[in-house]
Amino acid sequence: MSPKFRQEDGFVFKVYSNEEVRMHIHVVKAGCEAKFWLEPEVELASNCGFGSKDLKKITKLVEKYGDEFKLQFAAHVGKRVDD
């Protein structure tokens, strides 16, 4: 199961269950996917297909909603935000 945390400008922000414990978010759109670490700071972990313009836009969205994503991630995996 991979819950969708947010959808904006065609980008879908989600996590994959049982992947790893470090807080992160996956961003999917039109066959492209990127993964961003949410801690200790927002950082691109991997990219498959997004161009630099999209990555810049996605990074801004991840930074904007980062605290919300952390809370959603923690609730999904059963982890406290400060663990």
Protein backbone atom coordinates (compact mmCIF):
# COMPACT_ATOMS: atom_id res chain seq x y z
CA MET A 1 0.00 0.00 0.00
CA SER A 2 1.33 3.44 -0.87
CA PRO A 3 -0.80 6.21 0.57
CA LYS A 4 -1.07 9.44 -1.39
CA PHE A 5 -0.23 12.35 0.91
CA ARG A 6 -0.92 15.16 -1.57
CA GLN A 7 -1.55 15.86 -5.23
CA GLU A 8 -0.64 19.24 -6.69
CA ASP A 9 0.09 20.45 -10.23
CA GLY A 10 -0.15 16.84 -11.42
CA PHE A 11 2.53 15.67 -8.98
CA VAL A 12 1.56 12.88 -6.59
CA PHE A 13 3.39 12.81 -3.24
CA LYS A 14 3.41 9.43 -1.48
CA VAL A 15 5.40 6.81 0.41
CA TYR A 16 5.77 3.10 -0.18
CA SER A 17 4.93 0.95 2.81
CA ASN A 18 7.77 -1.00 4.45
CA GLU A 19 10.46 0.74 2.43
CA GLU A 20 12.73 2.38 5.01
CA VAL A 21 12.49 4.31 8.26
CA ARG A 22 14.31 7.51 7.26
CA MET A 23 11.64 10.10 6.50
CA HIS A 24 11.21 10.64 2.80
CA ILE A 25 8.62 11.30 0.11
CA HIS A 26 8.23 9.98 -3.42
CA VAL A 27 6.96 12.26 -6.17
CA VAL A 28 5.39 10.74 -9.27
CA LYS A 29 4.12 12.30 -12.51
CA ALA A 30 3.78 11.00 -16.07
CA GLY A 31 6.07 8.01 -15.62
CA CYS A 32 8.75 10.00 -13.79
CA GLU A 33 9.63 9.57 -10.14
CA ALA A 34 11.87 11.28 -7.62
CA LYS A 35 12.58 10.57 -3.98
CA PHE A 36 13.35 13.28 -1.45
CA TRP A 37 14.76 12.93 2.04
CA LEU A 38 12.78 14.99 4.55
CA GLU A 39 15.41 14.84 7.27
CA PRO A 40 17.70 16.23 8.43
CA GLU A 41 16.80 18.61 5.59
CA VAL A 42 15.01 18.34 2.25
CA GLU A 43 17.39 16.72 -0.24
CA LEU A 44 16.97 14.90 -3.54
CA ALA A 45 17.74 11.22 -2.96
CA SER A 46 17.05 9.91 -6.48
CA ASN A 47 15.51 10.98 -9.75
CA CYS A 48 14.20 8.99 -12.67
CA GLY A 49 13.06 11.16 -15.55
CA PHE A 50 12.32 14.62 -14.16
CA GLY A 51 14.09 17.56 -15.78
CA SER A 52 15.71 20.37 -13.84
CA LYS A 53 12.68 22.66 -14.17
CA ASP A 54 10.36 20.04 -12.64
CA LEU A 55 12.89 19.18 -9.91
CA LYS A 56 13.10 22.84 -8.92
CA LYS A 57 9.31 23.06 -8.69
CA ILE A 58 9.06 19.75 -6.78
CA THR A 59 11.78 20.83 -4.34
CA LYS A 60 9.82 23.99 -3.52
CA LEU A 61 6.67 21.94 -2.94
CA VAL A 62 8.48 19.43 -0.72
CA GLU A 63 9.97 22.29 1.29
CA LYS A 64 6.56 23.97 1.55
CA TYR A 65 4.79 20.82 2.78
CA GLY A 66 7.77 19.16 4.49
CA ASP A 67 6.43 19.39 8.05
CA GLU A 68 3.06 18.03 6.91
CA PHE A 69 4.79 15.17 5.06
CA LYS A 70 6.83 14.32 8.16
CA LEU A 71 3.69 14.05 10.26
CA GLN A 72 1.95 11.94 7.62
CA PHE A 73 5.01 9.72 7.23
CA ALA A 74 5.26 9.22 10.99
CA ALA A 75 1.57 8.37 11.27
CA HIS A 76 1.85 5.92 8.39
CA VAL A 77 4.88 4.01 9.66
CA GLY A 78 4.00 4.36 13.36
CA LYS A 79 6.97 6.53 14.27
CA ARG A 80 7.19 9.72 16.30
CA VAL A 81 8.47 12.74 14.39
CA ASP A 82 11.33 13.21 16.88
CA ASP A 83 12.51 9.56 16.83
